[in-house]
Amino acid sequence: MPRAGLTPALITEVGAALADEIGFDRLSMAVLAERLGVKTPSLYKHVSSQADLVHRIAVLAMTELADAIRDATQGRAGRDALVAGTRAMRSYVRGHPGRYAAANAVRPTEPDGPLVAAADRVLDSWAAMLHGYRIDPSEKIHALRMVRTILHGFTTLEAAGGFRIDVDVDDTFTWMIDFVDRGLRSSNDSS
């Protein structure tokens, strides 16, 4: 019989918070059970496996990230939207490094599953962030991939403590976003 109070949503939320706290690579069902004050087998009445837990955390993370970018960019366009959206993503990854790592550790298990829907919401948020740049439709996917690559690389390096050179990281982030903005604006000029 499932323990009263335990639900898949609660286990996912506590697992996500734990991954942020101790690191995604250290998250296990045993550590999560200890945090929840239950025996490990009790978790399997609500989530089928560690992979299922990670998948659920990934859906949660992608949904939260999409909402953060959407909320930050609403009513903005062009450079203002780019700055707001990239700062929102940076802030999210800084605050939730474990769940963001989970989101990048799994692949969709079904074509119409919740992870695909959540990832599509992130893409939609990024696309809205770039809308003011009037990117040629044939180049839209390239622009989205560029933004994702740059933001993912910067935020994961920062979360891992990868920037150790004695130059302010905020200055580097601003320089990077200014560089991306100039590139996106100049791509309109060449069309």
Protein backbone atom coordinates (compact mmCIF):
# COMPACT_ATOMS: atom_id res chain seq x y z
CA MET A 1 0.00 0.00 0.00
CA PRO A 2 1.43 3.44 -0.93
CA ARG A 3 2.48 5.63 1.99
CA ALA A 4 0.00 8.41 2.74
CA GLY A 5 1.17 11.74 1.40
CA LEU A 6 3.60 10.39 -1.18
CA THR A 7 2.63 11.17 -4.75
CA PRO A 8 4.55 11.15 -8.01
CA ALA A 9 4.43 14.97 -8.01
CA LEU A 10 5.82 15.25 -4.47
CA ILE A 11 8.58 12.73 -5.17
CA THR A 12 9.48 14.62 -8.36
CA GLU A 13 9.58 18.00 -6.60
CA VAL A 14 11.68 16.71 -3.70
CA GLY A 15 13.94 14.85 -6.14
CA ALA A 16 14.41 18.03 -8.19
CA ALA A 17 15.22 20.09 -5.09
CA LEU A 18 17.64 17.41 -3.93
CA ALA A 19 19.36 17.31 -7.34
CA ASP A 20 19.81 21.10 -7.10
CA GLU A 21 21.21 20.78 -3.60
CA ILE A 22 23.61 17.85 -3.91
CA GLY A 23 24.12 17.65 -7.68
CA PHE A 24 22.31 15.62 -10.30
CA ASP A 25 25.11 13.05 -10.48
CA ARG A 26 24.66 12.25 -6.76
CA LEU A 27 20.88 11.85 -6.88
CA SER A 28 19.73 8.30 -6.23
CA MET A 29 16.54 6.62 -5.14
CA ALA A 30 18.17 5.73 -1.80
CA VAL A 31 19.20 9.33 -1.10
CA LEU A 32 15.74 10.56 -2.11
CA ALA A 33 14.02 7.97 0.12
CA GLU A 34 16.18 9.08 3.03
CA ARG A 35 15.20 12.72 2.42
CA LEU A 36 11.53 11.76 2.34
CA GLY A 37 11.86 9.58 5.45
CA VAL A 38 10.77 6.38 3.74
CA LYS A 39 12.36 3.14 2.68
CA THR A 40 13.56 3.04 -0.92
CA PRO A 41 11.00 0.42 -2.08
CA SER A 42 8.20 2.84 -1.09
CA LEU A 43 9.24 5.17 -3.90
CA TYR A 44 8.67 2.50 -6.54
CA LYS A 45 4.95 2.56 -5.77
CA HIS A 46 4.90 6.09 -7.24
CA VAL A 47 7.74 6.19 -9.79
CA SER A 48 8.81 3.10 -11.66
CA SER A 49 12.58 3.64 -11.66
CA GLN A 50 15.42 6.11 -11.33
CA ALA A 51 15.04 6.75 -15.07
CA ASP A 52 11.35 7.54 -14.56
CA LEU A 53 12.25 9.96 -11.75
CA VAL A 54 14.85 11.72 -13.91
CA HIS A 55 12.37 11.93 -16.79
CA ARG A 56 9.82 13.55 -14.47
CA ILE A 57 12.42 16.01 -13.15
CA ALA A 58 13.38 16.85 -16.74
CA VAL A 59 9.74 17.63 -17.62
CA LEU A 60 9.47 19.82 -14.53
CA ALA A 61 12.71 21.65 -15.39
CA MET A 62 11.80 22.27 -19.03
CA THR A 63 8.36 23.54 -18.02
CA GLU A 64 9.84 25.88 -15.42
CA LEU A 65 12.51 27.13 -17.83
CA ALA A 66 9.96 27.80 -20.57
CA ASP A 67 7.81 29.75 -18.12
CA ALA A 68 10.79 31.77 -16.83
CA ILE A 69 11.85 32.80 -20.35
CA ARG A 70 8.27 33.50 -21.42
CA ASP A 71 7.58 35.63 -18.35
CA ALA A 72 10.84 37.58 -18.74
CA THR A 73 10.33 38.34 -22.42
CA GLN A 74 6.61 39.12 -22.47
CA GLY A 75 6.02 42.54 -24.01
CA ARG A 76 9.62 42.86 -25.16
CA ALA A 77 11.21 42.58 -28.58
CA GLY A 78 14.64 42.56 -30.18
CA ARG A 79 17.59 43.20 -27.91
CA ASP A 80 15.35 43.80 -24.87
CA ALA A 81 13.77 40.37 -25.28
CA LEU A 82 17.15 38.74 -25.91
CA VAL A 83 18.66 40.26 -22.77
CA ALA A 84 15.63 39.43 -20.62
CA GLY A 85 15.33 35.87 -21.92
CA THR A 86 19.01 35.03 -21.64
CA ARG A 87 19.17 36.46 -18.12
CA ALA A 88 16.12 34.40 -17.18
CA MET A 89 17.77 31.22 -18.44
CA ARG A 90 21.04 32.05 -16.70
CA SER A 91 19.20 32.71 -13.46
CA TYR A 92 17.23 29.48 -13.79
CA VAL A 93 20.33 27.35 -14.34
CA ARG A 94 22.14 29.06 -11.47
CA GLY A 95 19.21 28.40 -9.16
CA HIS A 96 18.42 24.91 -10.41
CA PRO A 97 21.60 23.28 -11.71
CA GLY A 98 20.51 19.74 -10.80
CA ARG A 99 17.16 19.83 -12.49
CA TYR A 100 18.66 21.56 -15.54
CA ALA A 101 21.24 18.76 -15.73
CA ALA A 102 18.41 16.22 -15.54
CA ALA A 103 16.67 17.96 -18.44
CA ASN A 104 19.78 17.47 -20.54
CA ALA A 105 20.35 13.87 -19.46
CA VAL A 106 17.21 12.31 -20.90
CA ARG A 107 15.63 11.84 -24.28
CA PRO A 108 11.92 11.67 -25.01
CA THR A 109 10.45 8.22 -24.60
CA GLU A 110 7.36 8.88 -26.70
CA PRO A 111 6.75 11.27 -29.59
CA ASP A 112 3.83 13.06 -27.92
CA GLY A 113 5.02 12.66 -24.34
CA PRO A 114 5.31 15.33 -21.68
CA LEU A 115 9.05 15.85 -22.25
CA VAL A 116 8.49 16.70 -25.92
CA ALA A 117 5.71 19.14 -24.99
CA ALA A 118 7.90 20.80 -22.35
CA ALA A 119 10.88 21.04 -24.70
CA ASP A 120 8.62 22.54 -27.38
CA ARG A 121 7.57 25.20 -24.88
CA VAL A 122 11.23 26.12 -24.32
CA LEU A 123 11.75 26.36 -28.09
CA ASP A 124 8.62 28.50 -28.39
CA SER A 125 9.94 30.82 -25.66
CA TRP A 126 13.29 31.15 -27.45
CA ALA A 127 11.55 31.72 -30.78
CA ALA A 128 9.44 34.49 -29.22
CA MET A 129 12.62 35.97 -27.75
CA LEU A 130 14.09 36.17 -31.29
CA HIS A 131 10.90 37.32 -33.01
CA GLY A 132 11.89 40.99 -33.12
CA TYR A 133 14.97 40.19 -35.20
CA ARG A 134 12.93 39.36 -38.31
CA ILE A 135 15.03 36.28 -39.01
CA ASP A 136 14.42 34.74 -42.40
CA PRO A 137 12.17 31.70 -41.84
CA SER A 138 14.72 29.48 -43.61
CA GLU A 139 17.31 30.48 -40.98
CA LYS A 140 15.11 30.35 -37.88
CA ILE A 141 16.24 26.87 -36.79
CA HIS A 142 19.89 27.93 -37.15
CA ALA A 143 19.29 30.96 -34.93
CA LEU A 144 17.49 28.85 -32.33
CA ARG A 145 20.29 26.28 -32.30
CA MET A 146 22.88 29.04 -31.94
CA VAL A 147 21.06 30.62 -29.00
CA ARG A 148 20.58 27.25 -27.32
CA THR A 149 24.21 26.28 -27.81
CA ILE A 150 25.58 29.56 -26.52
CA LEU A 151 23.28 29.72 -23.50
CA HIS A 152 23.66 26.07 -22.61
CA GLY A 153 27.43 26.24 -22.88
CA PHE A 154 27.75 29.40 -20.83
CA THR A 155 25.28 28.43 -18.11
CA THR A 156 26.55 24.90 -17.62
CA LEU A 157 30.17 26.06 -17.51
CA GLU A 158 29.23 28.73 -15.01
CA ALA A 159 27.22 26.31 -12.85
CA ALA A 160 30.20 23.93 -12.81
CA GLY A 161 32.59 26.68 -11.74
CA GLY A 162 34.30 26.65 -15.11
CA PHE A 163 35.09 30.37 -15.29
CA ARG A 164 38.18 30.86 -13.15
CA ILE A 165 39.98 33.62 -15.03
CA ASP A 166 40.00 36.85 -13.03
CA VAL A 167 37.50 38.73 -15.23
CA ASP A 168 33.97 39.46 -14.07
CA VAL A 169 31.66 36.73 -15.41
CA ASP A 170 28.74 39.18 -15.59
CA ASP A 171 30.81 41.34 -17.92
CA THR A 172 31.51 38.31 -20.10
CA PHE A 173 27.80 37.42 -20.19
CA THR A 174 26.88 40.96 -21.23
CA TRP A 175 29.62 40.97 -23.89
CA MET A 176 28.35 37.63 -25.22
CA ILE A 177 24.73 38.79 -25.46
CA ASP A 178 25.82 42.04 -27.15
CA PHE A 179 27.79 39.92 -29.64
CA VAL A 180 24.76 37.70 -30.34
CA ASP A 181 22.54 40.78 -30.72
CA ARG A 182 24.92 42.33 -33.27
CA GLY A 183 25.06 39.08 -35.19
CA LEU A 184 21.29 38.70 -35.27
CA ARG A 185 20.80 42.31 -36.37
CA SER A 186 23.46 42.04 -39.08
CA SER A 187 21.83 38.88 -40.46
CA ASN A 188 18.79 41.07 -41.25
CA ASP A 189 21.02 43.50 -43.16
CA SER A 190 22.38 40.78 -45.44
CA SER A 191 18.93 39.46 -46.37
